[in-house]
Amino acid sequence: MPIYVYETTDASKPIRRFELKQSMKDEPLRVDPETGEAVRRVISGGYGVHVAGGSTGPSVGSVGSHGCGPGCG
């Protein structure tokens, strides 16, 4: 199950963020289950890596690769 980040939305208080493990089928929370404060789900870029233009060399772990290459480690 993915972990979602939520933040409080009351402008008169400091913003507080928390994480919650939820099914992708679950509706986003509208209130914090612990405090009852209004919240919204935070959309982020995640942790993926985007390489513009793709790769010109063999991929990591491809057949025939020999470790990390010359000059490493």
N, C-alpha and C. Protein backbone atom coordinates (compact mmCIF):
# COMPACT_ATOMS: atom_id res chain seq x y z
N MET A 1 0.84 -1.18 0.00
CA MET A 1 0.00 0.00 0.00
C MET A 1 0.88 1.25 0.00
N PRO A 2 0.49 2.25 -0.76
CA PRO A 2 1.28 3.48 -0.80
C PRO A 2 1.11 4.31 0.48
N ILE A 3 2.10 5.15 0.73
CA ILE A 3 2.05 6.07 1.85
C ILE A 3 1.77 7.46 1.29
N TYR A 4 0.72 8.10 1.79
CA TYR A 4 0.33 9.43 1.34
C TYR A 4 0.71 10.47 2.38
N VAL A 5 1.02 11.67 1.92
CA VAL A 5 1.34 12.79 2.81
C VAL A 5 0.14 13.73 2.82
N TYR A 6 -0.25 14.13 4.01
CA TYR A 6 -1.33 15.09 4.20
C TYR A 6 -0.79 16.29 4.97
N GLU A 7 -1.45 17.44 4.76
CA GLU A 7 -1.10 18.63 5.53
C GLU A 7 -2.37 19.35 5.97
N THR A 8 -2.26 20.02 7.12
CA THR A 8 -3.39 20.78 7.63
C THR A 8 -3.60 22.02 6.77
N THR A 9 -4.84 22.53 6.75
CA THR A 9 -5.17 23.64 5.86
C THR A 9 -5.62 24.90 6.59
N ASP A 10 -5.61 24.91 7.91
CA ASP A 10 -6.04 26.09 8.68
C ASP A 10 -4.93 27.14 8.62
N ALA A 11 -5.20 28.25 7.92
CA ALA A 11 -4.19 29.29 7.72
C ALA A 11 -3.82 30.02 9.01
N SER A 12 -4.63 29.91 10.04
CA SER A 12 -4.34 30.60 11.30
C SER A 12 -3.38 29.80 12.19
N LYS A 13 -3.05 28.58 11.79
CA LYS A 13 -2.15 27.72 12.56
C LYS A 13 -0.97 27.32 11.69
N PRO A 14 0.15 26.92 12.31
CA PRO A 14 1.27 26.42 11.51
C PRO A 14 0.86 25.14 10.76
N ILE A 15 1.35 25.00 9.55
CA ILE A 15 1.05 23.79 8.76
C ILE A 15 1.74 22.60 9.39
N ARG A 16 1.00 21.53 9.51
CA ARG A 16 1.54 20.28 10.06
C ARG A 16 1.32 19.19 9.03
N ARG A 17 2.37 18.42 8.75
CA ARG A 17 2.27 17.32 7.79
C ARG A 17 2.38 15.98 8.51
N PHE A 18 1.70 14.98 7.95
CA PHE A 18 1.81 13.62 8.47
C PHE A 18 1.62 12.64 7.32
N GLU A 19 2.09 11.43 7.53
CA GLU A 19 1.98 10.37 6.52
C GLU A 19 0.97 9.34 6.97
N LEU A 20 0.32 8.73 5.97
CA LEU A 20 -0.68 7.70 6.26
C LEU A 20 -0.64 6.64 5.17
N LYS A 21 -0.56 5.39 5.58
CA LYS A 21 -0.60 4.29 4.62
C LYS A 21 -2.06 4.01 4.29
N GLN A 22 -2.40 4.10 2.99
CA GLN A 22 -3.77 3.88 2.55
C GLN A 22 -3.77 3.07 1.26
N SER A 23 -4.87 2.40 1.01
CA SER A 23 -5.07 1.73 -0.26
C SER A 23 -5.30 2.79 -1.33
N MET A 24 -4.93 2.49 -2.56
CA MET A 24 -5.18 3.42 -3.66
C MET A 24 -6.68 3.60 -3.90
N LYS A 25 -7.47 2.66 -3.43
CA LYS A 25 -8.93 2.72 -3.60
C LYS A 25 -9.60 3.62 -2.56
N ASP A 26 -8.88 3.94 -1.46
CA ASP A 26 -9.45 4.77 -0.39
C ASP A 26 -9.59 6.21 -0.86
N GLU A 27 -10.66 6.86 -0.40
CA GLU A 27 -10.85 8.29 -0.66
C GLU A 27 -9.82 9.07 0.15
N PRO A 28 -9.35 10.20 -0.37
CA PRO A 28 -8.43 11.03 0.42
C PRO A 28 -9.11 11.51 1.70
N LEU A 29 -8.33 11.67 2.76
CA LEU A 29 -8.87 12.19 4.02
C LEU A 29 -9.29 13.64 3.84
N ARG A 30 -10.28 14.05 4.59
CA ARG A 30 -10.71 15.45 4.65
C ARG A 30 -10.35 16.06 6.00
N VAL A 31 -10.25 15.20 7.02
CA VAL A 31 -9.88 15.65 8.37
C VAL A 31 -8.83 14.69 8.94
N ASP A 32 -7.98 15.23 9.81
CA ASP A 32 -6.98 14.42 10.51
C ASP A 32 -7.72 13.51 11.49
N PRO A 33 -7.51 12.19 11.40
CA PRO A 33 -8.23 11.27 12.30
C PRO A 33 -7.90 11.48 13.78
N GLU A 34 -6.74 12.07 14.09
CA GLU A 34 -6.36 12.27 15.49
C GLU A 34 -6.88 13.58 16.06
N THR A 35 -6.86 14.66 15.25
CA THR A 35 -7.19 15.98 15.79
C THR A 35 -8.50 16.55 15.25
N GLY A 36 -8.99 16.03 14.13
CA GLY A 36 -10.20 16.57 13.52
C GLY A 36 -9.97 17.80 12.66
N GLU A 37 -8.69 18.24 12.54
CA GLU A 37 -8.38 19.41 11.71
C GLU A 37 -8.57 19.08 10.23
N ALA A 38 -8.96 20.08 9.45
CA ALA A 38 -9.10 19.90 8.00
C ALA A 38 -7.72 19.66 7.39
N VAL A 39 -7.66 18.70 6.44
CA VAL A 39 -6.40 18.36 5.78
C VAL A 39 -6.62 18.19 4.29
N ARG A 40 -5.51 18.21 3.55
CA ARG A 40 -5.54 17.90 2.13
C ARG A 40 -4.35 16.99 1.83
N ARG A 41 -4.51 16.18 0.79
CA ARG A 41 -3.43 15.29 0.36
C ARG A 41 -2.41 16.11 -0.42
N VAL A 42 -1.14 15.90 -0.13
CA VAL A 42 -0.06 16.61 -0.81
C VAL A 42 0.39 15.77 -1.99
N ILE A 43 0.43 16.39 -3.16
CA ILE A 43 0.90 15.71 -4.36
C ILE A 43 2.38 16.05 -4.52
N SER A 44 3.21 15.02 -4.65
CA SER A 44 4.64 15.25 -4.81
C SER A 44 5.16 14.50 -6.03
N GLY A 45 6.39 14.78 -6.38
CA GLY A 45 7.01 14.16 -7.55
C GLY A 45 7.47 12.75 -7.30
N GLY A 46 7.47 12.30 -6.07
CA GLY A 46 7.92 10.95 -5.77
C GLY A 46 9.43 10.84 -5.77
N TYR A 47 9.92 9.62 -5.86
CA TYR A 47 11.35 9.37 -5.75
C TYR A 47 11.93 8.77 -7.02
N GLY A 48 11.21 8.79 -8.12
CA GLY A 48 11.71 8.25 -9.37
C GLY A 48 12.80 9.12 -9.95
N VAL A 49 13.54 8.55 -10.88
CA VAL A 49 14.60 9.28 -11.55
C VAL A 49 14.22 9.44 -13.01
N HIS A 50 14.27 10.66 -13.51
CA HIS A 50 13.95 10.92 -14.91
C HIS A 50 15.23 11.32 -15.62
N VAL A 51 15.57 10.60 -16.68
CA VAL A 51 16.77 10.90 -17.45
C VAL A 51 16.33 11.42 -18.80
N ALA A 52 16.58 12.69 -19.04
CA ALA A 52 16.18 13.30 -20.31
C ALA A 52 16.98 12.70 -21.45
N GLY A 53 16.33 12.34 -22.53
CA GLY A 53 17.02 11.82 -23.70
C GLY A 53 17.32 10.33 -23.64
N GLY A 54 17.03 9.69 -22.53
CA GLY A 54 17.27 8.26 -22.44
C GLY A 54 18.74 7.93 -22.21
N SER A 55 19.06 6.68 -22.33
CA SER A 55 20.41 6.18 -22.07
C SER A 55 21.09 5.79 -23.37
N THR A 56 22.39 6.03 -23.44
CA THR A 56 23.14 5.63 -24.62
C THR A 56 24.01 4.41 -24.37
N GLY A 57 24.11 3.98 -23.14
CA GLY A 57 24.96 2.83 -22.81
C GLY A 57 24.13 1.68 -22.28
N PRO A 58 24.81 0.59 -21.90
CA PRO A 58 24.08 -0.55 -21.36
C PRO A 58 23.44 -0.21 -20.02
N SER A 59 22.31 -0.83 -19.73
CA SER A 59 21.64 -0.55 -18.46
C SER A 59 22.35 -1.28 -17.33
N VAL A 60 22.13 -0.80 -16.13
CA VAL A 60 22.73 -1.42 -14.96
C VAL A 60 22.23 -2.84 -14.85
N GLY A 61 23.15 -3.77 -14.64
CA GLY A 61 22.78 -5.16 -14.48
C GLY A 61 22.48 -5.87 -15.79
N SER A 62 22.83 -5.27 -16.91
CA SER A 62 22.56 -5.92 -18.18
C SER A 62 23.49 -7.12 -18.37
N VAL A 63 23.10 -8.00 -19.24
CA VAL A 63 23.90 -9.19 -19.51
C VAL A 63 25.26 -8.75 -20.05
N GLY A 64 26.32 -9.31 -19.48
CA GLY A 64 27.66 -8.98 -19.94
C GLY A 64 28.30 -7.83 -19.19
N SER A 65 27.59 -7.23 -18.25
CA SER A 65 28.22 -6.14 -17.49
C SER A 65 29.19 -6.76 -16.50
N HIS A 66 30.23 -6.04 -16.18
CA HIS A 66 31.27 -6.53 -15.28
C HIS A 66 31.47 -5.54 -14.16
N GLY A 67 30.59 -5.55 -13.17
CA GLY A 67 30.74 -4.66 -12.04
C GLY A 67 30.38 -3.23 -12.39
N CYS A 68 31.09 -2.29 -11.77
CA CYS A 68 30.74 -0.88 -11.97
C CYS A 68 31.63 -0.21 -13.00
N GLY A 69 32.53 -0.90 -13.62
CA GLY A 69 33.33 -0.31 -14.70
C GLY A 69 34.71 0.12 -14.21
N PRO A 70 35.53 0.56 -15.15
CA PRO A 70 36.91 0.94 -14.79
C PRO A 70 36.93 2.20 -13.93
N GLY A 71 37.85 2.24 -12.99
CA GLY A 71 38.04 3.42 -12.17
C GLY A 71 37.08 3.56 -11.01
N CYS A 72 36.25 2.56 -10.76
CA CYS A 72 35.34 2.69 -9.63
C CYS A 72 35.76 1.72 -8.53
N GLY A 73 35.51 2.12 -7.31
CA GLY A 73 35.73 1.29 -6.14
C GLY A 73 37.11 0.96 -5.92
